[in-house]
Amino acid sequence: MSKFIIQTNDAPQAIGTYSQAVRVTGGETVYLSGQIGLDPVSMEMVAGVDAQIEQVIANLKAVIAASGGSLGDVVKLNVYLTDLGNFSRVNEIMGKHFSQPYPARAAIGVAALPRDALVEMDAVVVLDK
């Protein structure tokens, strides 16, 4: 298996022992690490759940673009929420950025996220050859 690390300054730099994304064998599949609502310039958390959801999607979009893809190439999305009451906000905001056919998705309630984030998302992307 060949691995290619994806790195962009248009998304927050890793704050741990991980890569923003890894592209594997043949280059069609890209696994994105979780993104939280950090502004990539200031590395500060944006305020409020809506702003965090928007920033998370912007961060995912930047990493996907660095891999040669777009949000339309996402085949699986995992959403982690510290308050599942914000699930409808995720749906509404995702509807502005994703179009049908939508990716497969899981929404998971968690006790806490890094940097006291309210939402985190990771994704699997499949690129055209």
N, C-alpha and C. Protein backbone atom coordinates (compact mmCIF):
# COMPACT_ATOMS: atom_id res chain seq x y z
N MET A 1 0.85 -1.18 0.00
CA MET A 1 0.00 0.00 0.00
C MET A 1 0.89 1.23 0.00
N SER A 2 0.57 2.17 -0.87
CA SER A 2 1.26 3.45 -0.90
C SER A 2 0.43 4.47 -0.15
N LYS A 3 1.10 5.34 0.61
CA LYS A 3 0.42 6.40 1.34
C LYS A 3 1.01 7.74 0.92
N PHE A 4 0.13 8.70 0.70
CA PHE A 4 0.53 10.06 0.38
C PHE A 4 -0.15 10.98 1.39
N ILE A 5 0.63 11.77 2.09
CA ILE A 5 0.09 12.67 3.09
C ILE A 5 -0.42 13.94 2.41
N ILE A 6 -1.63 14.35 2.77
CA ILE A 6 -2.24 15.57 2.27
C ILE A 6 -2.07 16.64 3.34
N GLN A 7 -1.57 17.79 2.94
CA GLN A 7 -1.32 18.89 3.87
C GLN A 7 -1.65 20.22 3.19
N THR A 8 -2.40 21.08 3.87
CA THR A 8 -2.69 22.40 3.34
C THR A 8 -2.69 23.43 4.47
N ASN A 9 -2.25 24.62 4.17
CA ASN A 9 -2.30 25.72 5.13
C ASN A 9 -3.69 26.37 5.15
N ASP A 10 -4.59 25.94 4.26
CA ASP A 10 -5.94 26.49 4.21
C ASP A 10 -6.88 25.84 5.22
N ALA A 11 -6.37 24.87 5.97
CA ALA A 11 -7.10 24.25 7.07
C ALA A 11 -6.18 24.27 8.28
N PRO A 12 -6.74 24.15 9.48
CA PRO A 12 -5.90 24.18 10.68
C PRO A 12 -4.82 23.10 10.64
N GLN A 13 -3.66 23.45 11.12
CA GLN A 13 -2.56 22.49 11.21
C GLN A 13 -2.90 21.45 12.27
N ALA A 14 -2.39 20.26 12.12
CA ALA A 14 -2.64 19.20 13.08
C ALA A 14 -2.19 19.64 14.47
N ILE A 15 -3.02 19.36 15.46
CA ILE A 15 -2.67 19.71 16.84
C ILE A 15 -2.33 18.45 17.63
N GLY A 16 -1.93 17.41 16.93
CA GLY A 16 -1.56 16.14 17.55
C GLY A 16 -0.75 15.31 16.58
N THR A 17 -0.67 14.05 16.88
CA THR A 17 0.13 13.13 16.07
C THR A 17 -0.72 12.51 14.97
N TYR A 18 -1.10 13.33 14.00
CA TYR A 18 -1.90 12.86 12.87
C TYR A 18 -1.66 13.76 11.68
N SER A 19 -2.09 13.31 10.52
CA SER A 19 -2.03 14.09 9.28
C SER A 19 -3.41 14.61 8.97
N GLN A 20 -3.49 15.71 8.22
CA GLN A 20 -4.80 16.23 7.83
C GLN A 20 -5.57 15.19 7.02
N ALA A 21 -4.88 14.49 6.14
CA ALA A 21 -5.50 13.44 5.34
C ALA A 21 -4.42 12.53 4.78
N VAL A 22 -4.84 11.33 4.42
CA VAL A 22 -3.94 10.35 3.81
C VAL A 22 -4.63 9.79 2.58
N ARG A 23 -3.91 9.81 1.47
CA ARG A 23 -4.41 9.24 0.21
C ARG A 23 -3.68 7.91 0.03
N VAL A 24 -4.43 6.86 -0.32
CA VAL A 24 -3.83 5.52 -0.36
C VAL A 24 -3.96 4.85 -1.72
N THR A 25 -3.18 3.84 -1.90
CA THR A 25 -3.09 2.95 -3.04
C THR A 25 -3.84 3.41 -4.28
N GLY A 26 -3.10 3.77 -5.28
CA GLY A 26 -3.69 4.20 -6.53
C GLY A 26 -4.20 5.63 -6.49
N GLY A 27 -4.33 6.19 -5.32
CA GLY A 27 -4.68 7.58 -5.18
C GLY A 27 -6.15 7.93 -5.23
N GLU A 28 -7.05 6.94 -5.27
CA GLU A 28 -8.47 7.27 -5.38
C GLU A 28 -9.15 7.51 -4.04
N THR A 29 -8.68 6.88 -2.98
CA THR A 29 -9.33 7.00 -1.68
C THR A 29 -8.51 7.88 -0.75
N VAL A 30 -9.21 8.85 -0.15
CA VAL A 30 -8.58 9.78 0.79
C VAL A 30 -9.34 9.72 2.10
N TYR A 31 -8.60 9.51 3.19
CA TYR A 31 -9.18 9.47 4.53
C TYR A 31 -8.81 10.77 5.23
N LEU A 32 -9.83 11.54 5.61
CA LEU A 32 -9.60 12.82 6.26
C LEU A 32 -9.70 12.68 7.77
N SER A 33 -8.76 13.28 8.46
CA SER A 33 -8.83 13.36 9.91
C SER A 33 -9.96 14.29 10.31
N GLY A 34 -10.38 14.18 11.55
CA GLY A 34 -11.44 15.03 12.05
C GLY A 34 -11.05 16.50 12.02
N GLN A 35 -11.99 17.32 11.65
CA GLN A 35 -11.81 18.77 11.67
C GLN A 35 -12.77 19.36 12.68
N ILE A 36 -12.27 20.33 13.44
CA ILE A 36 -13.10 21.09 14.36
C ILE A 36 -13.15 22.53 13.87
N GLY A 37 -13.85 23.38 14.57
CA GLY A 37 -14.09 24.74 14.10
C GLY A 37 -12.96 25.71 14.36
N LEU A 38 -11.73 25.28 14.11
CA LEU A 38 -10.58 26.17 14.25
C LEU A 38 -10.41 27.00 12.99
N ASP A 39 -10.20 28.29 13.17
CA ASP A 39 -9.84 29.15 12.05
C ASP A 39 -8.39 28.83 11.68
N PRO A 40 -8.11 28.52 10.41
CA PRO A 40 -6.75 28.10 10.04
C PRO A 40 -5.70 29.20 10.17
N VAL A 41 -6.11 30.45 10.18
CA VAL A 41 -5.16 31.55 10.32
C VAL A 41 -4.82 31.80 11.78
N SER A 42 -5.83 31.97 12.60
CA SER A 42 -5.60 32.30 14.01
C SER A 42 -5.41 31.06 14.89
N MET A 43 -5.85 29.90 14.38
CA MET A 43 -5.86 28.65 15.15
C MET A 43 -6.70 28.79 16.42
N GLU A 44 -7.70 29.69 16.37
CA GLU A 44 -8.65 29.88 17.46
C GLU A 44 -10.00 29.30 17.04
N MET A 45 -10.74 28.81 18.03
CA MET A 45 -12.07 28.26 17.78
C MET A 45 -13.03 29.39 17.46
N VAL A 46 -13.82 29.23 16.40
CA VAL A 46 -14.86 30.22 16.10
C VAL A 46 -15.98 30.04 17.12
N ALA A 47 -16.76 31.09 17.33
CA ALA A 47 -17.77 31.09 18.38
C ALA A 47 -19.14 30.67 17.86
N GLY A 48 -19.80 29.79 18.60
CA GLY A 48 -21.16 29.39 18.29
C GLY A 48 -21.25 28.15 17.43
N VAL A 49 -22.32 27.40 17.61
CA VAL A 49 -22.44 26.12 16.91
C VAL A 49 -22.56 26.30 15.40
N ASP A 50 -23.34 27.27 14.93
CA ASP A 50 -23.48 27.46 13.48
C ASP A 50 -22.14 27.83 12.85
N ALA A 51 -21.41 28.74 13.49
CA ALA A 51 -20.11 29.15 12.98
C ALA A 51 -19.13 27.98 12.99
N GLN A 52 -19.21 27.14 14.02
CA GLN A 52 -18.32 25.98 14.07
C GLN A 52 -18.65 24.98 12.97
N ILE A 53 -19.92 24.73 12.73
CA ILE A 53 -20.31 23.80 11.66
C ILE A 53 -19.80 24.33 10.32
N GLU A 54 -20.02 25.62 10.07
CA GLU A 54 -19.54 26.24 8.82
C GLU A 54 -18.03 26.12 8.70
N GLN A 55 -17.30 26.37 9.79
CA GLN A 55 -15.84 26.32 9.75
C GLN A 55 -15.35 24.89 9.55
N VAL A 56 -15.99 23.94 10.20
CA VAL A 56 -15.63 22.53 10.02
C VAL A 56 -15.75 22.15 8.54
N ILE A 57 -16.86 22.52 7.92
CA ILE A 57 -17.07 22.20 6.51
C ILE A 57 -16.04 22.91 5.64
N ALA A 58 -15.73 24.17 5.96
CA ALA A 58 -14.70 24.90 5.21
C ALA A 58 -13.34 24.22 5.35
N ASN A 59 -13.03 23.74 6.55
CA ASN A 59 -11.76 23.05 6.77
C ASN A 59 -11.71 21.74 6.01
N LEU A 60 -12.80 20.97 6.05
CA LEU A 60 -12.85 19.73 5.27
C LEU A 60 -12.68 20.03 3.78
N LYS A 61 -13.38 21.05 3.31
CA LYS A 61 -13.32 21.43 1.90
C LYS A 61 -11.89 21.77 1.49
N ALA A 62 -11.16 22.47 2.35
CA ALA A 62 -9.77 22.85 2.05
C ALA A 62 -8.87 21.63 1.95
N VAL A 63 -9.04 20.69 2.87
CA VAL A 63 -8.21 19.48 2.83
C VAL A 63 -8.56 18.63 1.61
N ILE A 64 -9.85 18.53 1.32
CA ILE A 64 -10.28 17.77 0.14
C ILE A 64 -9.73 18.42 -1.13
N ALA A 65 -9.78 19.74 -1.22
CA ALA A 65 -9.23 20.45 -2.39
C ALA A 65 -7.73 20.17 -2.52
N ALA A 66 -7.02 20.13 -1.40
CA ALA A 66 -5.58 19.84 -1.44
C ALA A 66 -5.31 18.42 -1.95
N SER A 67 -6.31 17.54 -1.83
CA SER A 67 -6.15 16.17 -2.32
C SER A 67 -6.57 16.04 -3.77
N GLY A 68 -7.15 17.12 -4.34
CA GLY A 68 -7.58 17.09 -5.72
C GLY A 68 -9.07 16.85 -5.89
N GLY A 69 -9.84 16.98 -4.82
CA GLY A 69 -11.27 16.70 -4.90
C GLY A 69 -12.13 17.87 -4.45
N SER A 70 -13.41 17.55 -4.24
CA SER A 70 -14.39 18.53 -3.79
C SER A 70 -15.35 17.85 -2.82
N LEU A 71 -16.21 18.63 -2.19
CA LEU A 71 -17.19 18.04 -1.27
C LEU A 71 -18.06 17.00 -1.96
N GLY A 72 -18.26 17.13 -3.26
CA GLY A 72 -19.03 16.16 -4.01
C GLY A 72 -18.39 14.78 -4.09
N ASP A 73 -17.12 14.69 -3.72
CA ASP A 73 -16.41 13.41 -3.73
C ASP A 73 -16.47 12.68 -2.39
N VAL A 74 -17.11 13.30 -1.39
CA VAL A 74 -17.23 12.66 -0.08
C VAL A 74 -18.22 11.50 -0.18
N VAL A 75 -17.78 10.31 0.23
CA VAL A 75 -18.67 9.15 0.21
C VAL A 75 -19.14 8.77 1.61
N LYS A 76 -18.41 9.19 2.64
CA LYS A 76 -18.77 8.87 4.03
C LYS A 76 -18.37 10.04 4.91
N LEU A 77 -19.28 10.47 5.76
CA LEU A 77 -19.04 11.58 6.66
C LEU A 77 -19.47 11.16 8.05
N ASN A 78 -18.60 11.37 9.02
CA ASN A 78 -18.94 11.14 10.42
C ASN A 78 -19.01 12.49 11.11
N VAL A 79 -20.10 12.70 11.85
CA VAL A 79 -20.33 13.95 12.57
C VAL A 79 -20.38 13.62 14.06
N TYR A 80 -19.57 14.32 14.83
CA TYR A 80 -19.52 14.13 16.28
C TYR A 80 -20.03 15.41 16.93
N LEU A 81 -21.04 15.28 17.79
CA LEU A 81 -21.67 16.42 18.43
C LEU A 81 -21.65 16.26 19.95
N THR A 82 -21.32 17.33 20.65
CA THR A 82 -21.39 17.29 22.11
C THR A 82 -22.83 17.48 22.59
N ASP A 83 -23.70 17.93 21.70
CA ASP A 83 -25.12 18.09 22.01
C ASP A 83 -25.92 17.67 20.77
N LEU A 84 -26.55 16.50 20.86
CA LEU A 84 -27.32 16.02 19.71
C LEU A 84 -28.51 16.91 19.39
N GLY A 85 -28.82 17.85 20.26
CA GLY A 85 -29.84 18.84 19.97
C GLY A 85 -29.45 19.74 18.80
N ASN A 86 -28.15 19.74 18.45
CA ASN A 86 -27.66 20.54 17.31
C ASN A 86 -27.71 19.78 15.99
N PHE A 87 -28.28 18.57 16.02
CA PHE A 87 -28.34 17.74 14.81
C PHE A 87 -29.08 18.44 13.68
N SER A 88 -30.17 19.13 13.99
CA SER A 88 -30.93 19.82 12.94
C SER A 88 -30.11 20.97 12.34
N ARG A 89 -29.26 21.61 13.13
CA ARG A 89 -28.39 22.67 12.62
C ARG A 89 -27.39 22.08 11.62
N VAL A 90 -26.85 20.90 11.94
CA VAL A 90 -25.93 20.22 11.03
C VAL A 90 -26.64 19.95 9.71
N ASN A 91 -27.84 19.40 9.77
CA ASN A 91 -28.59 19.09 8.55
C ASN A 91 -28.82 20.34 7.70
N GLU A 92 -29.24 21.41 8.35
CA GLU A 92 -29.54 22.63 7.61
C GLU A 92 -28.29 23.21 6.95
N ILE A 93 -27.20 23.28 7.69
CA ILE A 93 -25.97 23.86 7.15
C ILE A 93 -25.35 22.94 6.11
N MET A 94 -25.39 21.64 6.35
CA MET A 94 -24.87 20.70 5.34
C MET A 94 -25.62 20.85 4.03
N GLY A 95 -26.92 21.12 4.10
CA GLY A 95 -27.73 21.28 2.90
C GLY A 95 -27.28 22.43 2.02
N LYS A 96 -26.57 23.39 2.59
CA LYS A 96 -26.04 24.52 1.82
C LYS A 96 -24.74 24.15 1.10
N HIS A 97 -24.07 23.08 1.54
CA HIS A 97 -22.75 22.76 1.03
C HIS A 97 -22.68 21.43 0.27
N PHE A 98 -23.60 20.54 0.55
CA PHE A 98 -23.62 19.23 -0.09
C PHE A 98 -24.89 19.12 -0.95
N SER A 99 -24.77 18.39 -2.06
CA SER A 99 -25.94 18.17 -2.90
C SER A 99 -26.14 16.67 -3.11
N GLN A 100 -27.31 16.32 -3.59
CA GLN A 100 -27.62 14.90 -3.83
C GLN A 100 -26.80 14.37 -4.99
N PRO A 101 -26.38 13.15 -4.94
CA PRO A 101 -26.60 12.20 -3.85
C PRO A 101 -25.70 12.53 -2.66
N TYR A 102 -26.28 12.58 -1.48
CA TYR A 102 -25.55 12.91 -0.26
C TYR A 102 -24.64 11.75 0.13
N PRO A 103 -23.56 12.05 0.85
CA PRO A 103 -22.70 10.95 1.32
C PRO A 103 -23.40 10.15 2.41
N ALA A 104 -22.95 8.93 2.61
CA ALA A 104 -23.39 8.18 3.79
C ALA A 104 -22.90 8.95 5.01
N ARG A 105 -23.64 8.85 6.12
CA ARG A 105 -23.28 9.67 7.27
C ARG A 105 -23.67 9.00 8.56
N ALA A 106 -22.87 9.25 9.58
CA ALA A 106 -23.22 8.87 10.95
C ALA A 106 -23.16 10.14 11.80
N ALA A 107 -24.06 10.26 12.76
CA ALA A 107 -24.02 11.35 13.72
C ALA A 107 -23.91 10.72 15.10
N ILE A 108 -22.87 11.11 15.82
CA ILE A 108 -22.54 10.46 17.08
C ILE A 108 -22.50 11.51 18.19
N GLY A 109 -23.19 11.25 19.27
CA GLY A 109 -23.12 12.12 20.44
C GLY A 109 -21.90 11.75 21.27
N VAL A 110 -21.12 12.73 21.65
CA VAL A 110 -19.90 12.50 22.43
C VAL A 110 -19.91 13.42 23.65
N ALA A 111 -19.13 13.03 24.67
CA ALA A 111 -19.07 13.82 25.90
C ALA A 111 -18.25 15.09 25.72
N ALA A 112 -17.19 15.01 24.94
CA ALA A 112 -16.31 16.17 24.76
C ALA A 112 -15.51 16.00 23.48
N LEU A 113 -15.03 17.13 22.96
CA LEU A 113 -14.18 17.16 21.77
C LEU A 113 -12.97 18.03 22.06
N PRO A 114 -11.89 17.89 21.26
CA PRO A 114 -10.70 18.71 21.48
C PRO A 114 -11.03 20.20 21.46
N ARG A 115 -10.33 20.95 22.28
CA ARG A 115 -10.47 22.41 22.36
C ARG A 115 -11.89 22.85 22.68
N ASP A 116 -12.65 21.99 23.35
CA ASP A 116 -14.04 22.28 23.71
C ASP A 116 -14.92 22.56 22.50
N ALA A 117 -14.58 21.97 21.37
CA ALA A 117 -15.39 22.11 20.16
C ALA A 117 -16.78 21.55 20.40
N LEU A 118 -17.75 22.07 19.67
CA LEU A 118 -19.13 21.59 19.75
C LEU A 118 -19.42 20.54 18.68
N VAL A 119 -18.60 20.55 17.62
CA VAL A 119 -18.80 19.63 16.50
C VAL A 119 -17.45 19.28 15.89
N GLU A 120 -17.34 18.05 15.41
CA GLU A 120 -16.18 17.59 14.66
C GLU A 120 -16.70 16.70 13.54
N MET A 121 -16.03 16.75 12.39
CA MET A 121 -16.39 15.87 11.28
C MET A 121 -15.13 15.29 10.67
N ASP A 122 -15.23 14.03 10.26
CA ASP A 122 -14.19 13.42 9.43
C ASP A 122 -14.86 12.82 8.21
N ALA A 123 -14.07 12.45 7.21
CA ALA A 123 -14.68 12.00 5.96
C ALA A 123 -13.79 11.01 5.24
N VAL A 124 -14.43 10.27 4.35
CA VAL A 124 -13.75 9.43 3.36
C VAL A 124 -14.16 9.98 2.00
N VAL A 125 -13.17 10.18 1.16
CA VAL A 125 -13.37 10.76 -0.18
C VAL A 125 -12.88 9.75 -1.20
N VAL A 126 -13.61 9.59 -2.29
CA VAL A 126 -13.15 8.78 -3.42
C VAL A 126 -13.06 9.70 -4.62
N LEU A 127 -11.86 9.79 -5.15
CA LEU A 127 -11.58 10.68 -6.29
C LEU A 127 -11.70 9.92 -7.60
N ASP A 128 -12.09 10.62 -8.66
CA ASP A 128 -12.08 10.03 -10.00
C ASP A 128 -10.64 9.79 -10.40
N LYS A 129 -10.41 8.74 -11.18
CA LYS A 129 -9.06 8.46 -11.68
C LYS A 129 -8.69 9.47 -12.73
